[in-house]
Amino acid sequence: MGHLIHQVRNTGYDCEMRSHFWLVDFDPDKSLTPVRRVAVIPDAAG
């Protein structure tokens, strides 16, 4: 679970879209500390 946000802006000639992803951003029991989150979701997942 996580969040995804698309940010679109006008550049004058066309538009630019940037996407932001937060993986494992939803943790109802608050058990995933930042250190544990890195262990659960490796950099390669991005």
PDB file of N, CA and C in Angstrom:
ATOM      1  N   MET A   1       0.838  -1.178   0.000  1.00  0.00           N
ATOM      2  CA  MET A   1       0.000   0.000   0.000  1.00  0.00           C
ATOM      3  C   MET A   1       0.878   1.234   0.000  1.00  0.00           C
ATOM      4  N   GLY A   2       0.369   2.285  -0.530  1.00  0.00           N
ATOM      5  CA  GLY A   2       1.122   3.521  -0.576  1.00  0.00           C
ATOM      6  C   GLY A   2       0.315   4.632  -1.205  1.00  0.00           C
ATOM      7  N   HIS A   3       1.001   5.667  -1.602  1.00  0.00           N
ATOM      8  CA  HIS A   3       0.374   6.820  -2.231  1.00  0.00           C
ATOM      9  C   HIS A   3       1.085   7.135  -3.541  1.00  0.00           C
ATOM     10  N   LEU A   4       0.342   7.686  -4.466  1.00  0.00           N
ATOM     11  CA  LEU A   4       0.871   8.134  -5.744  1.00  0.00           C
ATOM     12  C   LEU A   4       0.285   9.504  -6.028  1.00  0.00           C
ATOM     13  N   ILE A   5       1.142  10.447  -6.387  1.00  0.00           N
ATOM     14  CA  ILE A   5       0.685  11.794  -6.735  1.00  0.00           C
ATOM     15  C   ILE A   5       1.302  12.174  -8.067  1.00  0.00           C
ATOM     16  N   HIS A   6       0.454  12.681  -8.996  1.00  0.00           N
ATOM     17  CA  HIS A   6       0.947  13.245 -10.242  1.00  0.00           C
ATOM     18  C   HIS A   6       0.865  14.762 -10.117  1.00  0.00           C
ATOM     19  N   GLN A   7       1.954  15.428 -10.425  1.00  0.00           N
ATOM     20  CA  GLN A   7       1.987  16.889 -10.403  1.00  0.00           C
ATOM     21  C   GLN A   7       2.208  17.348 -11.840  1.00  0.00           C
ATOM     22  N   VAL A   8       1.258  18.131 -12.378  1.00  0.00           N
ATOM     23  CA  VAL A   8       1.338  18.595 -13.761  1.00  0.00           C
ATOM     24  C   VAL A   8       1.435  20.111 -13.747  1.00  0.00           C
ATOM     25  N   ARG A   9       2.356  20.639 -14.563  1.00  0.00           N
ATOM     26  CA  ARG A   9       2.481  22.096 -14.639  1.00  0.00           C
ATOM     27  C   ARG A   9       2.657  22.518 -16.090  1.00  0.00           C
ATOM     28  N   ASN A  10       2.198  23.703 -16.374  1.00  0.00           N
ATOM     29  CA  ASN A  10       2.331  24.294 -17.696  1.00  0.00           C
ATOM     30  C   ASN A  10       3.737  24.878 -17.832  1.00  0.00           C
ATOM     31  N   THR A  11       4.431  24.558 -18.913  1.00  0.00           N
ATOM     32  CA  THR A  11       5.781  25.085 -19.121  1.00  0.00           C
ATOM     33  C   THR A  11       5.802  26.220 -20.133  1.00  0.00           C
ATOM     34  N   GLY A  12       4.644  26.610 -20.644  1.00  0.00           N
ATOM     35  CA  GLY A  12       4.582  27.676 -21.636  1.00  0.00           C
ATOM     36  C   GLY A  12       4.477  27.138 -23.045  1.00  0.00           C
ATOM     37  N   TYR A  13       5.177  26.075 -23.343  1.00  0.00           N
ATOM     38  CA  TYR A  13       5.128  25.466 -24.667  1.00  0.00           C
ATOM     39  C   TYR A  13       4.316  24.164 -24.636  1.00  0.00           C
ATOM     40  N   ASP A  14       4.442  23.445 -23.551  1.00  0.00           N
ATOM     41  CA  ASP A  14       3.717  22.193 -23.369  1.00  0.00           C
ATOM     42  C   ASP A  14       3.480  22.007 -21.875  1.00  0.00           C
ATOM     43  N   CYS A  15       3.458  20.795 -21.404  1.00  0.00           N
ATOM     44  CA  CYS A  15       3.306  20.567 -19.967  1.00  0.00           C
ATOM     45  C   CYS A  15       4.310  19.517 -19.513  1.00  0.00           C
ATOM     46  N   GLU A  16       4.516  19.500 -18.205  1.00  0.00           N
ATOM     47  CA  GLU A  16       5.449  18.561 -17.589  1.00  0.00           C
ATOM     48  C   GLU A  16       4.708  17.843 -16.473  1.00  0.00           C
ATOM     49  N   MET A  17       4.893  16.526 -16.394  1.00  0.00           N
ATOM     50  CA  MET A  17       4.258  15.768 -15.329  1.00  0.00           C
ATOM     51  C   MET A  17       5.331  15.062 -14.509  1.00  0.00           C
ATOM     52  N   ARG A  18       5.233  15.218 -13.210  1.00  0.00           N
ATOM     53  CA  ARG A  18       6.128  14.526 -12.278  1.00  0.00           C
ATOM     54  C   ARG A  18       5.274  13.602 -11.421  1.00  0.00           C
ATOM     55  N   SER A  19       5.798  12.418 -11.166  1.00  0.00           N
ATOM     56  CA  SER A  19       5.082  11.442 -10.346  1.00  0.00           C
ATOM     57  C   SER A  19       5.879  11.186  -9.078  1.00  0.00           C
ATOM     58  N   HIS A  20       5.185  11.112  -7.971  1.00  0.00           N
ATOM     59  CA  HIS A  20       5.796  10.847  -6.674  1.00  0.00           C
ATOM     60  C   HIS A  20       5.133   9.609  -6.081  1.00  0.00           C
ATOM     61  N   PHE A  21       5.945   8.675  -5.610  1.00  0.00           N
ATOM     62  CA  PHE A  21       5.449   7.429  -5.040  1.00  0.00           C
ATOM     63  C   PHE A  21       5.940   7.293  -3.600  1.00  0.00           C
ATOM     64  N   TRP A  22       5.050   6.911  -2.713  1.00  0.00           N
ATOM     65  CA  TRP A  22       5.404   6.584  -1.339  1.00  0.00           C
ATOM     66  C   TRP A  22       4.985   5.141  -1.120  1.00  0.00           C
ATOM     67  N   LEU A  23       5.955   4.228  -1.121  1.00  0.00           N
ATOM     68  CA  LEU A  23       5.657   2.815  -0.937  1.00  0.00           C
ATOM     69  C   LEU A  23       5.546   2.489   0.548  1.00  0.00           C
ATOM     70  N   VAL A  24       4.638   1.607   0.871  1.00  0.00           N
ATOM     71  CA  VAL A  24       4.362   1.184   2.245  1.00  0.00           C
ATOM     72  C   VAL A  24       4.142   2.411   3.138  1.00  0.00           C
ATOM     73  N   ASP A  25       3.346   3.344   2.644  1.00  0.00           N
ATOM     74  CA  ASP A  25       3.068   4.578   3.379  1.00  0.00           C
ATOM     75  C   ASP A  25       1.893   4.395   4.336  1.00  0.00           C
ATOM     76  N   PHE A  26       1.143   3.334   4.183  1.00  0.00           N
ATOM     77  CA  PHE A  26      -0.012   3.073   5.028  1.00  0.00           C
ATOM     78  C   PHE A  26       0.340   1.966   6.008  1.00  0.00           C
ATOM     79  N   ASP A  27       0.416   2.270   7.268  1.00  0.00           N
ATOM     80  CA  ASP A  27       0.806   1.297   8.291  1.00  0.00           C
ATOM     81  C   ASP A  27      -0.126   1.461   9.490  1.00  0.00           C
ATOM     82  N   PRO A  28      -1.268   0.777   9.477  1.00  0.00           N
ATOM     83  CA  PRO A  28      -2.259   1.002  10.535  1.00  0.00           C
ATOM     84  C   PRO A  28      -1.771   0.686  11.947  1.00  0.00           C
ATOM     85  N   ASP A  29      -0.886  -0.292  12.106  1.00  0.00           N
ATOM     86  CA  ASP A  29      -0.434  -0.605  13.462  1.00  0.00           C
ATOM     87  C   ASP A  29       0.885   0.087  13.825  1.00  0.00           C
ATOM     88  N   LYS A  30       1.395   0.916  12.945  1.00  0.00           N
ATOM     89  CA  LYS A  30       2.604   1.737  13.187  1.00  0.00           C
ATOM     90  C   LYS A  30       3.839   0.889  13.500  1.00  0.00           C
ATOM     91  N   SER A  31       3.896  -0.334  12.964  1.00  0.00           N
ATOM     92  CA  SER A  31       5.019  -1.217  13.259  1.00  0.00           C
ATOM     93  C   SER A  31       6.225  -0.992  12.341  1.00  0.00           C
ATOM     94  N   LEU A  32       6.032  -0.294  11.233  1.00  0.00           N
ATOM     95  CA  LEU A  32       7.142  -0.088  10.300  1.00  0.00           C
ATOM     96  C   LEU A  32       7.872   1.221  10.606  1.00  0.00           C
ATOM     97  N   THR A  33       8.954   1.102  11.314  1.00  0.00           N
ATOM     98  CA  THR A  33       9.802   2.266  11.555  1.00  0.00           C
ATOM     99  C   THR A  33      10.534   2.577  10.240  1.00  0.00           C
ATOM    100  N   PRO A  34      11.109   3.755  10.091  1.00  0.00           N
ATOM    101  CA  PRO A  34      11.855   4.056   8.863  1.00  0.00           C
ATOM    102  C   PRO A  34      12.952   3.028   8.556  1.00  0.00           C
ATOM    103  N   VAL A  35      13.639   2.535   9.572  1.00  0.00           N
ATOM    104  CA  VAL A  35      14.697   1.533   9.357  1.00  0.00           C
ATOM    105  C   VAL A  35      14.085   0.226   8.865  1.00  0.00           C
ATOM    106  N   ARG A  36      13.001  -0.192   9.457  1.00  0.00           N
ATOM    107  CA  ARG A  36      12.340  -1.437   9.056  1.00  0.00           C
ATOM    108  C   ARG A  36      11.730  -1.309   7.669  1.00  0.00           C
ATOM    109  N   ARG A  37      11.239  -0.123   7.334  1.00  0.00           N
ATOM    110  CA  ARG A  37      10.656   0.121   6.015  1.00  0.00           C
ATOM    111  C   ARG A  37      11.693  -0.118   4.916  1.00  0.00           C
ATOM    112  N   VAL A  38      12.934   0.310   5.161  1.00  0.00           N
ATOM    113  CA  VAL A  38      14.018   0.108   4.197  1.00  0.00           C
ATOM    114  C   VAL A  38      14.295  -1.383   4.020  1.00  0.00           C
ATOM    115  N   ALA A  39      14.190  -2.139   5.091  1.00  0.00           N
ATOM    116  CA  ALA A  39      14.425  -3.583   5.012  1.00  0.00           C
ATOM    117  C   ALA A  39      13.299  -4.289   4.255  1.00  0.00           C
ATOM    118  N   VAL A  40      12.078  -3.803   4.384  1.00  0.00           N
ATOM    119  CA  VAL A  40      10.929  -4.431   3.744  1.00  0.00           C
ATOM    120  C   VAL A  40      10.844  -4.071   2.256  1.00  0.00           C
ATOM    121  N   ILE A  41      11.108  -2.828   1.924  1.00  0.00           N
ATOM    122  CA  ILE A  41      11.035  -2.351   0.531  1.00  0.00           C
ATOM    123  C   ILE A  41      12.430  -1.955   0.077  1.00  0.00           C
ATOM    124  N   PRO A  42      13.100  -2.772  -0.725  1.00  0.00           N
ATOM    125  CA  PRO A  42      14.449  -2.433  -1.189  1.00  0.00           C
ATOM    126  C   PRO A  42      14.434  -1.303  -2.223  1.00  0.00           C
ATOM    127  N   ASP A  43      15.548  -0.636  -2.408  1.00  0.00           N
ATOM    128  CA  ASP A  43      15.668   0.438  -3.389  1.00  0.00           C
ATOM    129  C   ASP A  43      15.276  -0.028  -4.793  1.00  0.00           C
ATOM    130  N   ALA A  44      15.551  -1.283  -5.110  1.00  0.00           N
ATOM    131  CA  ALA A  44      15.250  -1.806  -6.436  1.00  0.00           C
ATOM    132  C   ALA A  44      13.745  -1.785  -6.736  1.00  0.00           C
ATOM    133  N   ALA A  45      12.903  -1.729  -5.710  1.00  0.00           N
ATOM    134  CA  ALA A  45      11.462  -1.695  -5.928  1.00  0.00           C
ATOM    135  C   ALA A  45      11.032  -0.409  -6.623  1.00  0.00           C
ATOM    136  N   GLY A  46      11.807   0.623  -6.433  1.00  0.00           N
ATOM    137  CA  GLY A  46      11.489   1.899  -7.076  1.00  0.00           C
ATOM    138  C   GLY A  46      11.754   1.866  -8.538  1.00  0.00           C
TER     139      GLY A  46
END
